[in-house]
């Protein structure tokens, strides 16, 4: 089985974090960048979501520049650093990172 093998039980917090992460990764049709993390969530959760997005972006960027990029390495990085991130969110982060569609913050 792979890194994102089926978990026997997913808790509410993990589901919520992944849902918020996926919402934050939606593309804004006007700017062409990803949307901002919603303001109405707890500050520590917003910080965690921003941290995942920025670190994933940086990791993809650095591995592409070094010409050692692979999806598997990004999956491993995300799984090691943020074990709550699911495969759907990881794929979205990789896709957006490949096209540099992240916020300029």
PDB file of N, CA and C in Angstrom:
ATOM      1  N   UNK A   1       0.838  -1.188   0.000  1.00  0.00           N
ATOM      2  CA  UNK A   1       0.000   0.000   0.000  1.00  0.00           C
ATOM      3  C   UNK A   1       0.880   1.247   0.000  1.00  0.00           C
ATOM      4  N   UNK A   2       0.333   2.319  -0.516  1.00  0.00           N
ATOM      5  CA  UNK A   2       1.089   3.556  -0.636  1.00  0.00           C
ATOM      6  C   UNK A   2       1.043   4.407   0.617  1.00  0.00           C
ATOM      7  N   UNK A   3       1.607   5.573   0.502  1.00  0.00           N
ATOM      8  CA  UNK A   3       1.661   6.509   1.618  1.00  0.00           C
ATOM      9  C   UNK A   3       0.266   6.916   2.066  1.00  0.00           C
ATOM     10  N   UNK A   4      -0.639   7.088   1.113  1.00  0.00           N
ATOM     11  CA  UNK A   4      -1.985   7.544   1.434  1.00  0.00           C
ATOM     12  C   UNK A   4      -2.961   6.378   1.513  1.00  0.00           C
ATOM     13  N   UNK A   5      -2.498   5.262   2.072  1.00  0.00           N
ATOM     14  CA  UNK A   5      -3.374   4.101   2.173  1.00  0.00           C
ATOM     15  C   UNK A   5      -4.629   4.461   2.956  1.00  0.00           C
ATOM     16  N   UNK A   6      -5.664   3.709   2.730  1.00  0.00           N
ATOM     17  CA  UNK A   6      -6.958   3.971   3.369  1.00  0.00           C
ATOM     18  C   UNK A   6      -6.795   3.904   4.882  1.00  0.00           C
ATOM     19  N   UNK A   7      -7.184   4.971   5.546  1.00  0.00           N
ATOM     20  CA  UNK A   7      -7.125   4.996   7.001  1.00  0.00           C
ATOM     21  C   UNK A   7      -8.376   4.330   7.541  1.00  0.00           C
ATOM     22  N   UNK A   8      -8.227   3.634   8.638  1.00  0.00           N
ATOM     23  CA  UNK A   8      -9.378   2.941   9.197  1.00  0.00           C
ATOM     24  C   UNK A   8     -10.370   3.917   9.799  1.00  0.00           C
ATOM     25  N   UNK A   9      -9.873   5.025  10.311  1.00  0.00           N
ATOM     26  CA  UNK A   9     -10.765   6.000  10.922  1.00  0.00           C
ATOM     27  C   UNK A   9     -10.200   7.404  10.715  1.00  0.00           C
ATOM     28  N   UNK A  10     -11.029   8.283  10.212  1.00  0.00           N
ATOM     29  CA  UNK A  10     -10.633   9.675  10.015  1.00  0.00           C
ATOM     30  C   UNK A  10     -11.433  10.501  11.004  1.00  0.00           C
ATOM     31  N   UNK A  11     -10.725  11.295  11.799  1.00  0.00           N
ATOM     32  CA  UNK A  11     -11.452  12.078  12.798  1.00  0.00           C
ATOM     33  C   UNK A  11     -12.028  13.358  12.193  1.00  0.00           C
ATOM     34  N   UNK A  12     -12.891  13.997  12.964  1.00  0.00           N
ATOM     35  CA  UNK A  12     -13.578  15.212  12.503  1.00  0.00           C
ATOM     36  C   UNK A  12     -12.607  16.331  12.165  1.00  0.00           C
ATOM     37  N   UNK A  13     -11.579  16.487  12.998  1.00  0.00           N
ATOM     38  CA  UNK A  13     -10.623  17.579  12.787  1.00  0.00           C
ATOM     39  C   UNK A  13      -9.891  17.397  11.451  1.00  0.00           C
ATOM     40  N   UNK A  14      -9.472  16.177  11.158  1.00  0.00           N
ATOM     41  CA  UNK A  14      -8.780  15.895   9.901  1.00  0.00           C
ATOM     42  C   UNK A  14      -9.678  16.183   8.709  1.00  0.00           C
ATOM     43  N   UNK A  15     -10.926  15.736   8.794  1.00  0.00           N
ATOM     44  CA  UNK A  15     -11.877  16.000   7.711  1.00  0.00           C
ATOM     45  C   UNK A  15     -12.066  17.493   7.501  1.00  0.00           C
ATOM     46  N   UNK A  16     -12.217  18.224   8.609  1.00  0.00           N
ATOM     47  CA  UNK A  16     -12.434  19.678   8.531  1.00  0.00           C
ATOM     48  C   UNK A  16     -11.213  20.383   7.942  1.00  0.00           C
ATOM     49  N   UNK A  17     -10.022  19.994   8.393  1.00  0.00           N
ATOM     50  CA  UNK A  17      -8.797  20.611   7.875  1.00  0.00           C
ATOM     51  C   UNK A  17      -8.657  20.383   6.370  1.00  0.00           C
ATOM     52  N   UNK A  18      -8.921  19.169   5.922  1.00  0.00           N
ATOM     53  CA  UNK A  18      -8.827  18.878   4.489  1.00  0.00           C
ATOM     54  C   UNK A  18      -9.877  19.635   3.700  1.00  0.00           C
ATOM     55  N   UNK A  19     -11.088  19.750   4.246  1.00  0.00           N
ATOM     56  CA  UNK A  19     -12.157  20.495   3.574  1.00  0.00           C
ATOM     57  C   UNK A  19     -11.762  21.968   3.432  1.00  0.00           C
ATOM     58  N   UNK A  20     -11.253  22.560   4.519  1.00  0.00           N
ATOM     59  CA  UNK A  20     -10.828  23.961   4.483  1.00  0.00           C
ATOM     60  C   UNK A  20      -9.634  24.154   3.541  1.00  0.00           C
ATOM     61  N   UNK A  21      -8.717  23.200   3.543  1.00  0.00           N
ATOM     62  CA  UNK A  21      -7.559  23.284   2.650  1.00  0.00           C
ATOM     63  C   UNK A  21      -8.012  23.260   1.193  1.00  0.00           C
ATOM     64  N   UNK A  22      -8.908  22.349   0.860  1.00  0.00           N
ATOM     65  CA  UNK A  22      -9.402  22.266  -0.519  1.00  0.00           C
ATOM     66  C   UNK A  22     -10.159  23.529  -0.920  1.00  0.00           C
ATOM     67  N   UNK A  23     -10.940  24.092   0.017  1.00  0.00           N
ATOM     68  CA  UNK A  23     -11.645  25.349  -0.272  1.00  0.00           C
ATOM     69  C   UNK A  23     -10.650  26.473  -0.522  1.00  0.00           C
ATOM     70  N   UNK A  24      -9.563  26.484   0.242  1.00  0.00           N
ATOM     71  CA  UNK A  24      -8.547  27.527   0.095  1.00  0.00           C
ATOM     72  C   UNK A  24      -7.758  27.376  -1.200  1.00  0.00           C
ATOM     73  N   UNK A  25      -7.775  26.194  -1.778  1.00  0.00           N
ATOM     74  CA  UNK A  25      -7.020  25.942  -3.005  1.00  0.00           C
ATOM     75  C   UNK A  25      -7.839  26.162  -4.272  1.00  0.00           C
ATOM     76  N   UNK A  26      -9.073  26.611  -4.105  1.00  0.00           N
ATOM     77  CA  UNK A  26      -9.890  26.928  -5.278  1.00  0.00           C
ATOM     78  C   UNK A  26      -9.298  28.152  -5.971  1.00  0.00           C
ATOM     79  N   UNK A  27      -9.399  28.190  -7.273  1.00  0.00           N
ATOM     80  CA  UNK A  27      -8.848  29.303  -8.056  1.00  0.00           C
ATOM     81  C   UNK A  27      -9.844  30.452  -8.117  1.00  0.00           C
ATOM     82  N   UNK A  28      -9.361  31.655  -7.810  1.00  0.00           N
ATOM     83  CA  UNK A  28     -10.175  32.861  -7.941  1.00  0.00           C
ATOM     84  C   UNK A  28     -10.222  33.211  -9.427  1.00  0.00           C
ATOM     85  N   UNK A  29     -11.414  33.304  -9.968  1.00  0.00           N
ATOM     86  CA  UNK A  29     -11.569  33.535 -11.409  1.00  0.00           C
ATOM     87  C   UNK A  29     -11.065  34.914 -11.850  1.00  0.00           C
ATOM     88  N   UNK A  30     -11.060  35.879 -10.945  1.00  0.00           N
ATOM     89  CA  UNK A  30     -10.620  37.230 -11.289  1.00  0.00           C
ATOM     90  C   UNK A  30      -9.093  37.323 -11.302  1.00  0.00           C
ATOM     91  N   UNK A  31      -8.460  36.916 -10.196  1.00  0.00           N
ATOM     92  CA  UNK A  31      -7.011  37.077 -10.082  1.00  0.00           C
ATOM     93  C   UNK A  31      -6.223  35.925 -10.708  1.00  0.00           C
ATOM     94  N   UNK A  32      -6.855  34.752 -10.824  1.00  0.00           N
ATOM     95  CA  UNK A  32      -6.135  33.594 -11.343  1.00  0.00           C
ATOM     96  C   UNK A  32      -5.251  32.932 -10.308  1.00  0.00           C
ATOM     97  N   UNK A  33      -5.315  33.392  -9.078  1.00  0.00           N
ATOM     98  CA  UNK A  33      -4.537  32.818  -7.971  1.00  0.00           C
ATOM     99  C   UNK A  33      -5.480  32.038  -7.064  1.00  0.00           C
ATOM    100  N   UNK A  34      -4.905  31.319  -6.094  1.00  0.00           N
ATOM    101  CA  UNK A  34      -5.773  30.604  -5.166  1.00  0.00           C
ATOM    102  C   UNK A  34      -6.441  31.593  -4.222  1.00  0.00           C
ATOM    103  N   UNK A  35      -7.590  31.172  -3.695  1.00  0.00           N
ATOM    104  CA  UNK A  35      -8.327  32.034  -2.776  1.00  0.00           C
ATOM    105  C   UNK A  35      -7.607  32.094  -1.440  1.00  0.00           C
ATOM    106  N   UNK A  36      -7.930  33.106  -0.660  1.00  0.00           N
ATOM    107  CA  UNK A  36      -7.347  33.222   0.670  1.00  0.00           C
ATOM    108  C   UNK A  36      -8.071  32.295   1.630  1.00  0.00           C
ATOM    109  N   UNK A  37      -7.399  31.966   2.718  1.00  0.00           N
ATOM    110  CA  UNK A  37      -8.011  31.161   3.772  1.00  0.00           C
ATOM    111  C   UNK A  37      -9.151  31.979   4.367  1.00  0.00           C
ATOM    112  N   UNK A  38     -10.320  31.373   4.565  1.00  0.00           N
ATOM    113  CA  UNK A  38     -11.461  32.122   5.109  1.00  0.00           C
ATOM    114  C   UNK A  38     -11.131  32.807   6.434  1.00  0.00           C
ATOM    115  N   UNK A  39     -11.677  33.998   6.623  1.00  0.00           N
ATOM    116  CA  UNK A  39     -11.413  34.769   7.840  1.00  0.00           C
ATOM    117  C   UNK A  39     -12.201  34.274   9.046  1.00  0.00           C
ATOM    118  N   UNK A  40     -13.266  33.516   8.804  1.00  0.00           N
ATOM    119  CA  UNK A  40     -14.149  33.127   9.899  1.00  0.00           C
ATOM    120  C   UNK A  40     -13.745  31.823  10.593  1.00  0.00           C
ATOM    121  N   UNK A  41     -12.521  31.351  10.375  1.00  0.00           N
ATOM    122  CA  UNK A  41     -12.076  30.146  11.074  1.00  0.00           C
ATOM    123  C   UNK A  41     -11.073  30.522  12.160  1.00  0.00           C
ATOM    124  N   UNK A  42     -10.830  29.575  13.060  1.00  0.00           N
ATOM    125  CA  UNK A  42      -9.924  29.820  14.174  1.00  0.00           C
ATOM    126  C   UNK A  42      -8.526  30.167  13.651  1.00  0.00           C
ATOM    127  N   UNK A  43      -7.849  31.105  14.313  1.00  0.00           N
ATOM    128  CA  UNK A  43      -6.526  31.548  13.840  1.00  0.00           C
ATOM    129  C   UNK A  43      -5.501  30.417  13.727  1.00  0.00           C
ATOM    130  N   UNK A  44      -5.508  29.472  14.670  1.00  0.00           N
ATOM    131  CA  UNK A  44      -4.519  28.389  14.614  1.00  0.00           C
ATOM    132  C   UNK A  44      -4.775  27.449  13.432  1.00  0.00           C
ATOM    133  N   UNK A  45      -6.044  27.267  13.074  1.00  0.00           N
ATOM    134  CA  UNK A  45      -6.367  26.434  11.912  1.00  0.00           C
ATOM    135  C   UNK A  45      -5.990  27.170  10.632  1.00  0.00           C
ATOM    136  N   UNK A  46      -6.283  28.462  10.579  1.00  0.00           N
ATOM    137  CA  UNK A  46      -5.910  29.273   9.410  1.00  0.00           C
ATOM    138  C   UNK A  46      -4.391  29.248   9.216  1.00  0.00           C
ATOM    139  N   UNK A  47      -3.659  29.346  10.313  1.00  0.00           N
ATOM    140  CA  UNK A  47      -2.198  29.321  10.246  1.00  0.00           C
ATOM    141  C   UNK A  47      -1.696  27.972   9.724  1.00  0.00           C
ATOM    142  N   UNK A  48      -2.301  26.893  10.192  1.00  0.00           N
ATOM    143  CA  UNK A  48      -1.907  25.551   9.742  1.00  0.00           C
ATOM    144  C   UNK A  48      -2.147  25.382   8.238  1.00  0.00           C
ATOM    145  N   UNK A  49      -3.285  25.872   7.764  1.00  0.00           N
ATOM    146  CA  UNK A  49      -3.620  25.770   6.334  1.00  0.00           C
ATOM    147  C   UNK A  49      -2.628  26.597   5.505  1.00  0.00           C
ATOM    148  N   UNK A  50      -2.350  27.825   5.955  1.00  0.00           N
ATOM    149  CA  UNK A  50      -1.386  28.671   5.237  1.00  0.00           C
ATOM    150  C   UNK A  50      -0.008  28.022   5.215  1.00  0.00           C
ATOM    151  N   UNK A  51       0.355  27.405   6.338  1.00  0.00           N
ATOM    152  CA  UNK A  51       1.657  26.756   6.453  1.00  0.00           C
ATOM    153  C   UNK A  51       1.789  25.611   5.437  1.00  0.00           C
ATOM    154  N   UNK A  52       0.749  24.798   5.315  1.00  0.00           N
ATOM    155  CA  UNK A  52       0.769  23.698   4.343  1.00  0.00           C
ATOM    156  C   UNK A  52       0.927  24.248   2.931  1.00  0.00           C
ATOM    157  N   UNK A  53       0.119  25.249   2.606  1.00  0.00           N
ATOM    158  CA  UNK A  53       0.144  25.811   1.253  1.00  0.00           C
ATOM    159  C   UNK A  53       1.522  26.390   0.925  1.00  0.00           C
ATOM    160  N   UNK A  54       2.063  27.180   1.830  1.00  0.00           N
ATOM    161  CA  UNK A  54       3.353  27.827   1.568  1.00  0.00           C
ATOM    162  C   UNK A  54       4.503  26.826   1.515  1.00  0.00           C
ATOM    163  N   UNK A  55       4.502  25.850   2.437  1.00  0.00           N
ATOM    164  CA  UNK A  55       5.589  24.872   2.438  1.00  0.00           C
ATOM    165  C   UNK A  55       5.514  23.945   1.228  1.00  0.00           C
ATOM    166  N   UNK A  56       4.302  23.564   0.844  1.00  0.00           N
ATOM    167  CA  UNK A  56       4.150  22.721  -0.349  1.00  0.00           C
ATOM    168  C   UNK A  56       4.617  23.488  -1.586  1.00  0.00           C
ATOM    169  N   UNK A  57       4.227  24.746  -1.672  1.00  0.00           N
ATOM    170  CA  UNK A  57       4.645  25.594  -2.794  1.00  0.00           C
ATOM    171  C   UNK A  57       6.169  25.677  -2.862  1.00  0.00           C
ATOM    172  N   UNK A  58       6.783  25.941  -1.736  1.00  0.00           N
ATOM    173  CA  UNK A  58       8.238  26.079  -1.685  1.00  0.00           C
ATOM    174  C   UNK A  58       8.925  24.760  -2.049  1.00  0.00           C
ATOM    175  N   UNK A  59       8.399  23.652  -1.538  1.00  0.00           N
ATOM    176  CA  UNK A  59       8.987  22.345  -1.826  1.00  0.00           C
ATOM    177  C   UNK A  59       8.907  22.024  -3.321  1.00  0.00           C
ATOM    178  N   UNK A  60       7.733  22.241  -3.912  1.00  0.00           N
ATOM    179  CA  UNK A  60       7.568  21.982  -5.349  1.00  0.00           C
ATOM    180  C   UNK A  60       8.513  22.880  -6.147  1.00  0.00           C
ATOM    181  N   UNK A  61       8.572  24.152  -5.781  1.00  0.00           N
ATOM    182  CA  UNK A  61       9.427  25.111  -6.493  1.00  0.00           C
ATOM    183  C   UNK A  61      10.902  24.698  -6.425  1.00  0.00           C
ATOM    184  N   UNK A  62      11.366  24.348  -5.230  1.00  0.00           N
ATOM    185  CA  UNK A  62      12.770  23.976  -5.062  1.00  0.00           C
ATOM    186  C   UNK A  62      13.117  22.685  -5.794  1.00  0.00           C
ATOM    187  N   UNK A  63      12.231  21.699  -5.732  1.00  0.00           N
ATOM    188  CA  UNK A  63      12.526  20.436  -6.418  1.00  0.00           C
ATOM    189  C   UNK A  63      12.479  20.601  -7.937  1.00  0.00           C
ATOM    190  N   UNK A  64      11.600  21.483  -8.417  1.00  0.00           N
ATOM    191  CA  UNK A  64      11.569  21.750  -9.865  1.00  0.00           C
ATOM    192  C   UNK A  64      12.851  22.447 -10.303  1.00  0.00           C
ATOM    193  N   UNK A  65      13.296  23.440  -9.520  1.00  0.00           N
ATOM    194  CA  UNK A  65      14.525  24.165  -9.860  1.00  0.00           C
ATOM    195  C   UNK A  65      15.739  23.240  -9.854  1.00  0.00           C
ATOM    196  N   UNK A  66      15.749  22.292  -8.916  1.00  0.00           N
ATOM    197  CA  UNK A  66      16.871  21.356  -8.813  1.00  0.00           C
ATOM    198  C   UNK A  66      16.736  20.187  -9.790  1.00  0.00           C
ATOM    199  N   UNK A  67      15.641  20.186 -10.540  1.00  0.00           N
ATOM    200  CA  UNK A  67      15.356  19.137 -11.524  1.00  0.00           C
ATOM    201  C   UNK A  67      15.279  17.748 -10.891  1.00  0.00           C
ATOM    202  N   UNK A  68      14.740  17.695  -9.670  1.00  0.00           N
ATOM    203  CA  UNK A  68      14.541  16.413  -8.988  1.00  0.00           C
ATOM    204  C   UNK A  68      13.082  16.238  -8.573  1.00  0.00           C
ATOM    205  N   UNK A  69      12.195  16.989  -9.212  1.00  0.00           N
ATOM    206  CA  UNK A  69      10.782  16.931  -8.845  1.00  0.00           C
ATOM    207  C   UNK A  69      10.180  15.567  -9.159  1.00  0.00           C
ATOM    208  N   UNK A  70       9.410  15.071  -8.202  1.00  0.00           N
ATOM    209  CA  UNK A  70       8.576  13.893  -8.446  1.00  0.00           C
ATOM    210  C   UNK A  70       7.374  13.988  -7.515  1.00  0.00           C
ATOM    211  N   UNK A  71       6.241  13.510  -8.005  1.00  0.00           N
ATOM    212  CA  UNK A  71       5.034  13.529  -7.176  1.00  0.00           C
ATOM    213  C   UNK A  71       5.257  12.733  -5.900  1.00  0.00           C
ATOM    214  N   UNK A  72       5.945  11.614  -6.032  1.00  0.00           N
ATOM    215  CA  UNK A  72       6.172  10.751  -4.874  1.00  0.00           C
ATOM    216  C   UNK A  72       6.934  11.488  -3.771  1.00  0.00           C
ATOM    217  N   UNK A  73       7.916  12.295  -4.150  1.00  0.00           N
ATOM    218  CA  UNK A  73       8.679  13.026  -3.130  1.00  0.00           C
ATOM    219  C   UNK A  73       7.814  14.083  -2.447  1.00  0.00           C
ATOM    220  N   UNK A  74       6.910  14.708  -3.214  1.00  0.00           N
ATOM    221  CA  UNK A  74       6.008  15.701  -2.619  1.00  0.00           C
ATOM    222  C   UNK A  74       5.017  15.012  -1.690  1.00  0.00           C
ATOM    223  N   UNK A  75       4.487  13.858  -2.129  1.00  0.00           N
ATOM    224  CA  UNK A  75       3.583  13.094  -1.259  1.00  0.00           C
ATOM    225  C   UNK A  75       4.280  12.750   0.054  1.00  0.00           C
ATOM    226  N   UNK A  76       5.524  12.289  -0.051  1.00  0.00           N
ATOM    227  CA  UNK A  76       6.271  11.908   1.156  1.00  0.00           C
ATOM    228  C   UNK A  76       6.497  13.118   2.046  1.00  0.00           C
ATOM    229  N   UNK A  77       6.889  14.239   1.456  1.00  0.00           N
ATOM    230  CA  UNK A  77       7.093  15.464   2.227  1.00  0.00           C
ATOM    231  C   UNK A  77       5.814  15.851   2.971  1.00  0.00           C
ATOM    232  N   UNK A  78       4.697  15.885   2.251  1.00  0.00           N
ATOM    233  CA  UNK A  78       3.432  16.270   2.881  1.00  0.00           C
ATOM    234  C   UNK A  78       3.020  15.276   3.959  1.00  0.00           C
ATOM    235  N   UNK A  79       3.205  13.992   3.683  1.00  0.00           N
ATOM    236  CA  UNK A  79       2.830  12.974   4.664  1.00  0.00           C
ATOM    237  C   UNK A  79       3.687  13.085   5.927  1.00  0.00           C
ATOM    238  N   UNK A  80       4.971  13.367   5.766  1.00  0.00           N
ATOM    239  CA  UNK A  80       5.865  13.498   6.921  1.00  0.00           C
ATOM    240  C   UNK A  80       5.593  14.769   7.719  1.00  0.00           C
ATOM    241  N   UNK A  81       5.391  15.885   7.030  1.00  0.00           N
ATOM    242  CA  UNK A  81       5.210  17.173   7.700  1.00  0.00           C
ATOM    243  C   UNK A  81       3.776  17.424   8.163  1.00  0.00           C
ATOM    244  N   UNK A  82       2.822  16.985   7.373  1.00  0.00           N
ATOM    245  CA  UNK A  82       1.406  17.238   7.657  1.00  0.00           C
ATOM    246  C   UNK A  82       0.621  15.944   7.436  1.00  0.00           C
ATOM    247  N   UNK A  83       0.658  15.021   8.389  1.00  0.00           N
ATOM    248  CA  UNK A  83       0.036  13.713   8.178  1.00  0.00           C
ATOM    249  C   UNK A  83      -1.473  13.761   7.952  1.00  0.00           C
ATOM    250  N   UNK A  84      -2.102  14.863   8.281  1.00  0.00           N
ATOM    251  CA  UNK A  84      -3.552  14.974   8.113  1.00  0.00           C
ATOM    252  C   UNK A  84      -3.959  15.283   6.671  1.00  0.00           C
ATOM    253  N   UNK A  85      -3.025  15.715   5.825  1.00  0.00           N
ATOM    254  CA  UNK A  85      -3.353  16.060   4.435  1.00  0.00           C
ATOM    255  C   UNK A  85      -3.673  14.779   3.662  1.00  0.00           C
ATOM    256  N   UNK A  86      -4.842  14.754   3.007  1.00  0.00           N
ATOM    257  CA  UNK A  86      -5.227  13.565   2.242  1.00  0.00           C
ATOM    258  C   UNK A  86      -4.693  13.641   0.805  1.00  0.00           C
ATOM    259  N   UNK A  87      -4.873  12.553   0.059  1.00  0.00           N
ATOM    260  CA  UNK A  87      -4.319  12.471  -1.300  1.00  0.00           C
ATOM    261  C   UNK A  87      -4.955  13.483  -2.249  1.00  0.00           C
ATOM    262  N   UNK A  88      -6.248  13.737  -2.097  1.00  0.00           N
ATOM    263  CA  UNK A  88      -6.928  14.706  -2.965  1.00  0.00           C
ATOM    264  C   UNK A  88      -6.303  16.091  -2.789  1.00  0.00           C
ATOM    265  N   UNK A  89      -6.108  16.497  -1.530  1.00  0.00           N
ATOM    266  CA  UNK A  89      -5.496  17.801  -1.247  1.00  0.00           C
ATOM    267  C   UNK A  89      -4.043  17.826  -1.723  1.00  0.00           C
ATOM    268  N   UNK A  90      -3.326  16.725  -1.523  1.00  0.00           N
ATOM    269  CA  UNK A  90      -1.929  16.660  -1.967  1.00  0.00           C
ATOM    270  C   UNK A  90      -1.838  16.808  -3.486  1.00  0.00           C
ATOM    271  N   UNK A  91      -2.723  16.124  -4.204  1.00  0.00           N
ATOM    272  CA  UNK A  91      -2.730  16.245  -5.667  1.00  0.00           C
ATOM    273  C   UNK A  91      -3.026  17.673  -6.112  1.00  0.00           C
ATOM    274  N   UNK A  92      -3.945  18.321  -5.421  1.00  0.00           N
ATOM    275  CA  UNK A  92      -4.296  19.707  -5.769  1.00  0.00           C
ATOM    276  C   UNK A  92      -3.105  20.634  -5.500  1.00  0.00           C
ATOM    277  N   UNK A  93      -2.430  20.437  -4.353  1.00  0.00           N
ATOM    278  CA  UNK A  93      -1.248  21.241  -4.031  1.00  0.00           C
ATOM    279  C   UNK A  93      -0.159  21.058  -5.087  1.00  0.00           C
ATOM    280  N   UNK A  94       0.049  19.830  -5.517  1.00  0.00           N
ATOM    281  CA  UNK A  94       1.070  19.549  -6.537  1.00  0.00           C
ATOM    282  C   UNK A  94       0.696  20.215  -7.853  1.00  0.00           C
ATOM    283  N   UNK A  95      -0.554  20.058  -8.253  1.00  0.00           N
ATOM    284  CA  UNK A  95      -1.004  20.656  -9.510  1.00  0.00           C
ATOM    285  C   UNK A  95      -0.861  22.162  -9.518  1.00  0.00           C
ATOM    286  N   UNK A  96      -1.258  22.798  -8.434  1.00  0.00           N
ATOM    287  CA  UNK A  96      -1.146  24.254  -8.359  1.00  0.00           C
ATOM    288  C   UNK A  96       0.311  24.686  -8.274  1.00  0.00           C
ATOM    289  N   UNK A  97       1.124  23.913  -7.577  1.00  0.00           N
ATOM    290  CA  UNK A  97       2.545  24.230  -7.461  1.00  0.00           C
ATOM    291  C   UNK A  97       3.257  24.140  -8.793  1.00  0.00           C
ATOM    292  N   UNK A  98       2.825  23.209  -9.626  1.00  0.00           N
ATOM    293  CA  UNK A  98       3.443  23.045 -10.944  1.00  0.00           C
ATOM    294  C   UNK A  98       3.194  24.261 -11.827  1.00  0.00           C
ATOM    295  N   UNK A  99       2.079  24.923 -11.611  1.00  0.00           N
ATOM    296  CA  UNK A  99       1.738  26.071 -12.452  1.00  0.00           C
ATOM    297  C   UNK A  99       1.874  27.401 -11.721  1.00  0.00           C
ATOM    298  N   UNK A 100       2.484  27.374 -10.528  1.00  0.00           N
ATOM    299  CA  UNK A 100       2.762  28.593  -9.762  1.00  0.00           C
ATOM    300  C   UNK A 100       1.512  29.439  -9.538  1.00  0.00           C
ATOM    301  N   UNK A 101       0.405  28.809  -9.160  1.00  0.00           N
ATOM    302  CA  UNK A 101      -0.846  29.536  -8.954  1.00  0.00           C
ATOM    303  C   UNK A 101      -1.076  29.892  -7.488  1.00  0.00           C
ATOM    304  N   UNK A 102      -0.006  30.017  -6.730  1.00  0.00           N
ATOM    305  CA  UNK A 102      -0.147  30.332  -5.321  1.00  0.00           C
ATOM    306  C   UNK A 102      -0.195  31.833  -5.104  1.00  0.00           C
ATOM    307  N   UNK A 103      -0.714  32.199  -3.948  1.00  0.00           N
ATOM    308  CA  UNK A 103      -0.771  33.618  -3.583  1.00  0.00           C
ATOM    309  C   UNK A 103       0.634  34.167  -3.438  1.00  0.00           C
ATOM    310  N   UNK A 104       0.818  35.390  -3.815  1.00  0.00           N
ATOM    311  CA  UNK A 104       2.104  36.057  -3.615  1.00  0.00           C
ATOM    312  C   UNK A 104       2.054  36.762  -2.276  1.00  0.00           C
ATOM    313  N   UNK A 105       2.467  36.061  -1.232  1.00  0.00           N
ATOM    314  CA  UNK A 105       2.437  36.648   0.118  1.00  0.00           C
ATOM    315  C   UNK A 105       3.826  36.686   0.684  1.00  0.00           C
TER     316      UNK A 105
END
